[in-house]
Amino acid sequence: MNSGRHILSQFLDLVDRKTLSRLVEGYDAESRVRHFACRQQLVCMFFAQLTWREGLRDIAKSTLADANEQRDWRIWEDLAKGLMRKVMCARFLEMRWP
């Protein structure tokens, strides 16, 4: 149940900071983008999805576009796979022990 927190905040709680840090370090993702950390990029991408943005025009266009271009896309793929595993495990437990 919503405890009065924004949906964006609730989504971000699903992403373990240590996991994201490990992925960022593993792909050396902070080396090519100076002023826009991976966590900030993640927040912008979540926000864009939640607010049905079709382009980058509304949100930090050049900064986000540069970060998307410079960073290895596999960071986000690995993060998404981890989140899907987390959801599948939770769903399995929910079905098994309602």
C-alpha atoms as a PDB file:
ATOM      1  CA  MET A   1       0.000   0.000   0.000  1.00  0.00           C
ATOM      2  CA  ASN A   2       1.100   3.542  -0.680  1.00  0.00           C
ATOM      3  CA  SER A   3       2.408   5.120   2.477  1.00  0.00           C
ATOM      4  CA  GLY A   4       2.172   8.648   1.085  1.00  0.00           C
ATOM      5  CA  ARG A   5       5.350   8.319  -0.971  1.00  0.00           C
ATOM      6  CA  HIS A   6       5.642   9.178  -4.647  1.00  0.00           C
ATOM      7  CA  ILE A   7       5.633   6.280  -7.090  1.00  0.00           C
ATOM      8  CA  LEU A   8       9.074   7.299  -8.382  1.00  0.00           C
ATOM      9  CA  SER A   9      10.481   6.934  -4.888  1.00  0.00           C
ATOM     10  CA  GLN A  10       8.880   3.520  -4.535  1.00  0.00           C
ATOM     11  CA  PHE A  11      10.401   2.360  -7.829  1.00  0.00           C
ATOM     12  CA  LEU A  12      13.831   3.608  -6.825  1.00  0.00           C
ATOM     13  CA  ASP A  13      13.587   1.593  -3.610  1.00  0.00           C
ATOM     14  CA  LEU A  14      13.534  -1.543  -5.753  1.00  0.00           C
ATOM     15  CA  VAL A  15      17.011  -0.755  -7.065  1.00  0.00           C
ATOM     16  CA  ASP A  16      19.663  -1.765  -4.582  1.00  0.00           C
ATOM     17  CA  ARG A  17      22.359   0.924  -4.457  1.00  0.00           C
ATOM     18  CA  LYS A  18      25.104  -1.660  -3.985  1.00  0.00           C
ATOM     19  CA  THR A  19      23.968  -3.580  -7.047  1.00  0.00           C
ATOM     20  CA  LEU A  20      23.936  -0.431  -9.157  1.00  0.00           C
ATOM     21  CA  SER A  21      27.359   0.581  -7.807  1.00  0.00           C
ATOM     22  CA  ARG A  22      28.759  -2.861  -8.640  1.00  0.00           C
ATOM     23  CA  LEU A  23      27.421  -2.644 -12.196  1.00  0.00           C
ATOM     24  CA  VAL A  24      28.729   0.907 -12.643  1.00  0.00           C
ATOM     25  CA  GLU A  25      32.154  -0.164 -11.431  1.00  0.00           C
ATOM     26  CA  GLY A  26      32.118  -3.335 -13.528  1.00  0.00           C
ATOM     27  CA  TYR A  27      31.385  -1.438 -16.737  1.00  0.00           C
ATOM     28  CA  ASP A  28      33.519   1.571 -15.746  1.00  0.00           C
ATOM     29  CA  ALA A  29      30.473   3.708 -16.466  1.00  0.00           C
ATOM     30  CA  GLU A  30      31.432   6.849 -14.574  1.00  0.00           C
ATOM     31  CA  SER A  31      34.675   7.399 -16.472  1.00  0.00           C
ATOM     32  CA  ARG A  32      33.244   8.893 -19.683  1.00  0.00           C
ATOM     33  CA  VAL A  33      30.436  11.053 -18.271  1.00  0.00           C
ATOM     34  CA  ARG A  34      31.570  13.734 -15.860  1.00  0.00           C
ATOM     35  CA  HIS A  35      28.599  15.521 -14.337  1.00  0.00           C
ATOM     36  CA  PHE A  36      25.765  13.029 -14.573  1.00  0.00           C
ATOM     37  CA  ALA A  37      26.047   9.981 -12.328  1.00  0.00           C
ATOM     38  CA  CYS A  38      24.432   6.676 -13.269  1.00  0.00           C
ATOM     39  CA  ARG A  39      21.924   7.003 -10.434  1.00  0.00           C
ATOM     40  CA  GLN A  40      20.832  10.401 -11.795  1.00  0.00           C
ATOM     41  CA  GLN A  41      20.496   8.863 -15.239  1.00  0.00           C
ATOM     42  CA  LEU A  42      18.383   6.048 -13.780  1.00  0.00           C
ATOM     43  CA  VAL A  43      16.094   8.543 -12.025  1.00  0.00           C
ATOM     44  CA  CYS A  44      15.628  10.472 -15.292  1.00  0.00           C
ATOM     45  CA  MET A  45      14.862   7.298 -17.233  1.00  0.00           C
ATOM     46  CA  PHE A  46      12.356   6.128 -14.595  1.00  0.00           C
ATOM     47  CA  PHE A  47      10.730   9.564 -14.603  1.00  0.00           C
ATOM     48  CA  ALA A  48      10.512   9.573 -18.404  1.00  0.00           C
ATOM     49  CA  GLN A  49       8.825   6.173 -18.407  1.00  0.00           C
ATOM     50  CA  LEU A  50       6.399   7.004 -15.609  1.00  0.00           C
ATOM     51  CA  THR A  51       5.315  10.257 -17.236  1.00  0.00           C
ATOM     52  CA  TRP A  52       4.980   8.805 -20.748  1.00  0.00           C
ATOM     53  CA  ARG A  53       7.694  10.921 -22.323  1.00  0.00           C
ATOM     54  CA  GLU A  54       8.249  10.115 -25.975  1.00  0.00           C
ATOM     55  CA  GLY A  55      11.507  11.964 -26.294  1.00  0.00           C
ATOM     56  CA  LEU A  56      14.205  13.731 -24.374  1.00  0.00           C
ATOM     57  CA  ARG A  57      12.912  17.181 -25.277  1.00  0.00           C
ATOM     58  CA  ASP A  58      11.312  17.752 -21.872  1.00  0.00           C
ATOM     59  CA  ILE A  59      14.006  16.369 -19.598  1.00  0.00           C
ATOM     60  CA  ALA A  60      17.651  17.384 -19.550  1.00  0.00           C
ATOM     61  CA  LYS A  61      17.885  16.656 -23.253  1.00  0.00           C
ATOM     62  CA  SER A  62      21.563  16.993 -23.979  1.00  0.00           C
ATOM     63  CA  THR A  63      22.804  15.662 -20.637  1.00  0.00           C
ATOM     64  CA  LEU A  64      20.672  12.522 -20.723  1.00  0.00           C
ATOM     65  CA  ALA A  65      21.299  11.974 -24.433  1.00  0.00           C
ATOM     66  CA  ASP A  66      25.057  12.273 -23.886  1.00  0.00           C
ATOM     67  CA  ALA A  67      24.949   9.861 -20.948  1.00  0.00           C
ATOM     68  CA  ASN A  68      22.889   7.345 -22.932  1.00  0.00           C
ATOM     69  CA  GLU A  69      25.355   7.598 -25.788  1.00  0.00           C
ATOM     70  CA  GLN A  70      28.497   7.337 -23.647  1.00  0.00           C
ATOM     71  CA  ARG A  71      27.526   4.618 -21.169  1.00  0.00           C
ATOM     72  CA  ASP A  72      27.424   0.926 -21.880  1.00  0.00           C
ATOM     73  CA  TRP A  73      23.804  -0.148 -22.340  1.00  0.00           C
ATOM     74  CA  ARG A  74      24.559  -3.480 -20.663  1.00  0.00           C
ATOM     75  CA  ILE A  75      24.444  -1.730 -17.252  1.00  0.00           C
ATOM     76  CA  TRP A  76      20.726  -1.179 -17.719  1.00  0.00           C
ATOM     77  CA  GLU A  77      20.188  -4.634 -19.197  1.00  0.00           C
ATOM     78  CA  ASP A  78      21.847  -6.305 -16.196  1.00  0.00           C
ATOM     79  CA  LEU A  79      19.942  -4.085 -13.783  1.00  0.00           C
ATOM     80  CA  ALA A  80      16.628  -4.918 -15.500  1.00  0.00           C
ATOM     81  CA  LYS A  81      17.401  -8.653 -15.395  1.00  0.00           C
ATOM     82  CA  GLY A  82      18.094  -8.406 -11.673  1.00  0.00           C
ATOM     83  CA  LEU A  83      14.833  -6.549 -11.075  1.00  0.00           C
ATOM     84  CA  MET A  84      12.906  -9.137 -13.086  1.00  0.00           C
ATOM     85  CA  ARG A  85      14.458 -11.944 -11.034  1.00  0.00           C
ATOM     86  CA  LYS A  86      13.463 -10.127  -7.851  1.00  0.00           C
ATOM     87  CA  VAL A  87       9.873  -9.756  -9.071  1.00  0.00           C
ATOM     88  CA  MET A  88       9.673 -13.373 -10.235  1.00  0.00           C
ATOM     89  CA  CYS A  89      10.930 -14.646  -6.867  1.00  0.00           C
ATOM     90  CA  ALA A  90       8.434 -12.476  -5.013  1.00  0.00           C
ATOM     91  CA  ARG A  91       5.643 -13.638  -7.306  1.00  0.00           C
ATOM     92  CA  PHE A  92       6.615 -17.292  -6.814  1.00  0.00           C
ATOM     93  CA  LEU A  93       6.598 -16.899  -3.039  1.00  0.00           C
ATOM     94  CA  GLU A  94       3.263 -15.102  -3.194  1.00  0.00           C
ATOM     95  CA  MET A  95       1.712 -17.934  -5.238  1.00  0.00           C
ATOM     96  CA  ARG A  96       3.176 -20.586  -2.977  1.00  0.00           C
ATOM     97  CA  TRP A  97       2.249 -19.006   0.359  1.00  0.00           C
ATOM     98  CA  PRO A  98      -0.720 -16.673  -0.154  1.00  0.00           C
END
